[in-house]
C-alpha atoms as a PDB file:
ATOM      1  CA  MET A   1      93.774 207.220  96.201  1.00  0.00           C
ATOM      2  CA  GLN A   2      95.293 210.702  96.062  1.00  0.00           C
ATOM      3  CA  ASN A   3      96.021 210.538  99.801  1.00  0.00           C
ATOM      4  CA  LEU A   4      97.701 207.171  99.347  1.00  0.00           C
ATOM      5  CA  GLY A   5      99.817 208.411  96.443  1.00  0.00           C
ATOM      6  CA  SER A   6     100.835 211.528  98.350  1.00  0.00           C
ATOM      7  CA  THR A   7     101.708 209.448 101.400  1.00  0.00           C
ATOM      8  CA  ILE A   8     103.873 207.055  99.385  1.00  0.00           C
ATOM      9  CA  LEU A   9     105.681 209.975  97.747  1.00  0.00           C
ATOM     10  CA  ARG A  10     106.196 211.649 101.132  1.00  0.00           C
ATOM     11  CA  VAL A  11     107.604 208.507 102.761  1.00  0.00           C
ATOM     12  CA  VAL A  12     109.986 207.803  99.865  1.00  0.00           C
ATOM     13  CA  LEU A  13     111.157 211.423  99.810  1.00  0.00           C
ATOM     14  CA  GLY A  14     111.705 211.369 103.554  1.00  0.00           C
ATOM     15  CA  PHE A  15     113.662 208.140 103.363  1.00  0.00           C
ATOM     16  CA  ILE A  16     115.940 209.557 100.645  1.00  0.00           C
ATOM     17  CA  PHE A  17     116.686 212.709 102.634  1.00  0.00           C
ATOM     18  CA  ALA A  18     117.118 210.869 105.943  1.00  0.00           C
ATOM     19  CA  ALA A  19     119.539 208.431 104.299  1.00  0.00           C
ATOM     20  CA  HIS A  20     121.584 211.277 102.807  1.00  0.00           C
ATOM     21  CA  GLY A  21     121.701 213.120 106.130  1.00  0.00           C
ATOM     22  CA  TYR A  22     122.719 209.950 107.958  1.00  0.00           C
ATOM     23  CA  GLN A  23     125.408 209.253 105.353  1.00  0.00           C
ATOM     24  CA  LYS A  24     126.918 212.699 105.874  1.00  0.00           C
ATOM     25  CA  PHE A  25     127.420 211.924 109.562  1.00  0.00           C
ATOM     26  CA  GLN A  26     128.517 208.307 109.038  1.00  0.00           C
ATOM     27  CA  GLY A  27     130.904 209.185 106.213  1.00  0.00           C
ATOM     28  CA  GLY A  28     132.573 211.821 108.329  1.00  0.00           C
ATOM     29  CA  ILE A  29     130.858 215.173 108.543  1.00  0.00           C
ATOM     30  CA  GLY A  30     134.291 216.793 108.433  1.00  0.00           C
ATOM     31  CA  LEU A  31     134.752 215.537 104.876  1.00  0.00           C
ATOM     32  CA  THR A  32     131.447 217.096 103.892  1.00  0.00           C
ATOM     33  CA  ALA A  33     132.482 220.342 105.602  1.00  0.00           C
ATOM     34  CA  ASP A  34     135.760 220.283 103.643  1.00  0.00           C
ATOM     35  CA  TYR A  35     133.831 219.778 100.404  1.00  0.00           C
ATOM     36  CA  PHE A  36     131.533 222.682 101.263  1.00  0.00           C
ATOM     37  CA  ASP A  37     134.578 224.886 101.899  1.00  0.00           C
ATOM     38  CA  ALA A  38     136.060 223.830  98.559  1.00  0.00           C
ATOM     39  CA  ILE A  39     132.963 224.952  96.643  1.00  0.00           C
ATOM     40  CA  GLY A  40     132.658 228.251  98.499  1.00  0.00           C
ATOM     41  CA  ILE A  41     130.108 227.361 101.177  1.00  0.00           C
ATOM     42  CA  PRO A  42     131.180 227.780 104.814  1.00  0.00           C
ATOM     43  CA  GLY A  43     132.048 224.358 106.219  1.00  0.00           C
ATOM     44  CA  PHE A  44     129.747 224.705 109.235  1.00  0.00           C
ATOM     45  CA  MET A  45     126.817 224.616 106.809  1.00  0.00           C
ATOM     46  CA  ALA A  46     127.534 220.901 106.305  1.00  0.00           C
ATOM     47  CA  TYR A  47     126.260 220.279 109.833  1.00  0.00           C
ATOM     48  CA  ILE A  48     123.117 222.316 109.199  1.00  0.00           C
ATOM     49  CA  VAL A  49     122.410 220.568 105.899  1.00  0.00           C
ATOM     50  CA  ALA A  50     123.011 217.119 107.405  1.00  0.00           C
ATOM     51  CA  ILE A  51     120.641 217.868 110.292  1.00  0.00           C
ATOM     52  CA  ILE A  52     117.975 219.260 107.947  1.00  0.00           C
ATOM     53  CA  GLU A  53     118.260 216.159 105.769  1.00  0.00           C
ATOM     54  CA  LEU A  54     118.290 213.632 108.620  1.00  0.00           C
ATOM     55  CA  VAL A  55     115.730 215.181 110.968  1.00  0.00           C
ATOM     56  CA  GLY A  56     113.709 216.666 108.121  1.00  0.00           C
ATOM     57  CA  GLY A  57     113.616 213.327 106.345  1.00  0.00           C
ATOM     58  CA  ILE A  58     112.287 211.599 109.442  1.00  0.00           C
ATOM     59  CA  ALA A  59     109.735 214.378 109.986  1.00  0.00           C
ATOM     60  CA  ILE A  60     108.536 214.135 106.372  1.00  0.00           C
ATOM     61  CA  ILE A  61     108.144 210.358 106.744  1.00  0.00           C
ATOM     62  CA  LEU A  62     105.942 210.967 109.785  1.00  0.00           C
ATOM     63  CA  GLY A  63     104.143 213.852 108.129  1.00  0.00           C
ATOM     64  CA  LEU A  64     105.148 216.234 110.908  1.00  0.00           C
ATOM     65  CA  GLY A  65     105.827 219.877 110.078  1.00  0.00           C
ATOM     66  CA  THR A  66     105.462 218.908 106.447  1.00  0.00           C
ATOM     67  CA  ARG A  67     105.130 222.386 104.940  1.00  0.00           C
ATOM     68  CA  LEU A  68     108.100 223.839 106.827  1.00  0.00           C
ATOM     69  CA  ILE A  69     110.322 220.814 106.243  1.00  0.00           C
ATOM     70  CA  GLY A  70     109.297 220.724 102.582  1.00  0.00           C
ATOM     71  CA  ALA A  71     110.364 224.354 102.224  1.00  0.00           C
ATOM     72  CA  LEU A  72     113.713 223.729 103.955  1.00  0.00           C
ATOM     73  CA  LEU A  73     114.432 220.708 101.772  1.00  0.00           C
ATOM     74  CA  THR A  74     113.476 222.656  98.637  1.00  0.00           C
ATOM     75  CA  VAL A  75     115.941 225.416  99.509  1.00  0.00           C
ATOM     76  CA  THR A  76     118.617 222.831 100.305  1.00  0.00           C
ATOM     77  CA  MET A  77     118.237 221.236  96.869  1.00  0.00           C
ATOM     78  CA  ILE A  78     118.147 224.547  95.006  1.00  0.00           C
ATOM     79  CA  VAL A  79     121.363 225.633  96.720  1.00  0.00           C
ATOM     80  CA  ALA A  80     122.931 222.245  95.884  1.00  0.00           C
ATOM     81  CA  ILE A  81     121.989 222.650  92.234  1.00  0.00           C
ATOM     82  CA  PHE A  82     123.440 226.143  91.914  1.00  0.00           C
ATOM     83  CA  THR A  83     126.594 225.585  93.971  1.00  0.00           C
ATOM     84  CA  ALA A  84     127.612 222.012  93.210  1.00  0.00           C
ATOM     85  CA  LYS A  85     125.776 220.611  90.205  1.00  0.00           C
ATOM     86  CA  LEU A  86     124.839 223.267  87.651  1.00  0.00           C
ATOM     87  CA  SER A  87     128.289 223.422  86.066  1.00  0.00           C
ATOM     88  CA  VAL A  88     128.182 219.664  85.352  1.00  0.00           C
ATOM     89  CA  GLY A  89     124.864 219.927  83.506  1.00  0.00           C
ATOM     90  CA  PHE A  90     121.466 218.323  83.758  1.00  0.00           C
ATOM     91  CA  ILE A  91     122.606 214.732  83.159  1.00  0.00           C
ATOM     92  CA  GLY A  92     126.239 215.158  84.199  1.00  0.00           C
ATOM     93  CA  GLU A  93     129.496 214.325  82.501  1.00  0.00           C
ATOM     94  CA  ASN A  94     132.828 212.606  83.100  1.00  0.00           C
ATOM     95  CA  GLY A  95     131.362 210.375  85.787  1.00  0.00           C
ATOM     96  CA  LEU A  96     129.934 213.304  87.761  1.00  0.00           C
ATOM     97  CA  ALA A  97     126.239 213.334  88.584  1.00  0.00           C
ATOM     98  CA  GLY A  98     124.146 216.079  87.057  1.00  0.00           C
ATOM     99  CA  TYR A  99     121.380 217.965  88.767  1.00  0.00           C
ATOM    100  CA  GLU A 100     118.407 215.964  87.473  1.00  0.00           C
ATOM    101  CA  LEU A 101     117.900 214.052  90.737  1.00  0.00           C
ATOM    102  CA  ASP A 102     118.351 217.214  92.810  1.00  0.00           C
ATOM    103  CA  LEU A 103     115.732 218.956  90.658  1.00  0.00           C
ATOM    104  CA  ALA A 104     113.282 216.064  91.093  1.00  0.00           C
ATOM    105  CA  LEU A 105     113.826 216.062  94.871  1.00  0.00           C
ATOM    106  CA  ALA A 106     113.361 219.854  94.975  1.00  0.00           C
ATOM    107  CA  ALA A 107     110.090 219.548  93.033  1.00  0.00           C
ATOM    108  CA  MET A 108     108.791 216.831  95.367  1.00  0.00           C
ATOM    109  CA  ALA A 109     109.784 218.814  98.453  1.00  0.00           C
ATOM    110  CA  LEU A 110     108.139 221.933  96.990  1.00  0.00           C
ATOM    111  CA  TYR A 111     104.937 219.958  96.471  1.00  0.00           C
ATOM    112  CA  PHE A 112     104.811 219.189 100.196  1.00  0.00           C
ATOM    113  CA  ALA A 113     105.754 222.769 101.116  1.00  0.00           C
ATOM    114  CA  LEU A 114     102.743 223.979  99.129  1.00  0.00           C
ATOM    115  CA  ALA A 115     100.230 221.161  99.672  1.00  0.00           C
ATOM    116  CA  GLY A 116     101.168 219.876 103.106  1.00  0.00           C
ATOM    117  CA  ALA A 117     100.801 216.253 104.128  1.00  0.00           C
ATOM    118  CA  SER A 118      97.881 213.996 103.319  1.00  0.00           C
ATOM    119  CA  SER A 119      95.375 212.807 105.884  1.00  0.00           C
ATOM    120  CA  PHE A 120      97.764 209.913 106.606  1.00  0.00           C
ATOM    121  CA  SER A 121     100.147 212.077 108.647  1.00  0.00           C
ATOM    122  CA  LEU A 122     100.870 213.356 112.124  1.00  0.00           C
ATOM    123  CA  ASP A 123     100.053 216.870 110.891  1.00  0.00           C
ATOM    124  CA  ALA A 124      96.509 215.692 110.136  1.00  0.00           C
ATOM    125  CA  LYS A 125      96.166 213.829 113.424  1.00  0.00           C
ATOM    126  CA  LEU A 126      97.620 216.574 115.618  1.00  0.00           C
ATOM    127  CA  PHE A 127      96.117 219.596 113.900  1.00  0.00           C
ATOM    128  CA  ASN A 128      92.936 218.091 112.396  1.00  0.00           C
ATOM    129  CA  LYS A 129      94.054 219.024 108.896  1.00  0.00           C
ATOM    130  CA  GLU A 130      94.171 217.133 105.665  1.00  0.00           C
END
């Protein structure tokens, strides 16, 4: 059952990140780059973040490179919290989202960075690992 629970969590997490990465490209990556510039992050980082979210999300769904992708997604969320969300607070205010979801996503990604994928993953199939 633990493998099943871990797999469900991994697939949901991957879907969330892949959807956010896809949205950055569909919504106009230039707008995301402009937002990054406005909060003090070089605009080109928007492309890197979008790729990490999209490709990383798909990889997490498949359970491929789970530890590395989990670490990259954890760092992405921690940076998002400290650069874009912390000043708004945990829950948020004035219609702005707080950092509670980002913190939950960071914790889930960190779990996979530390634990790796379950036996229901490409990592397990390709590298004979659990």
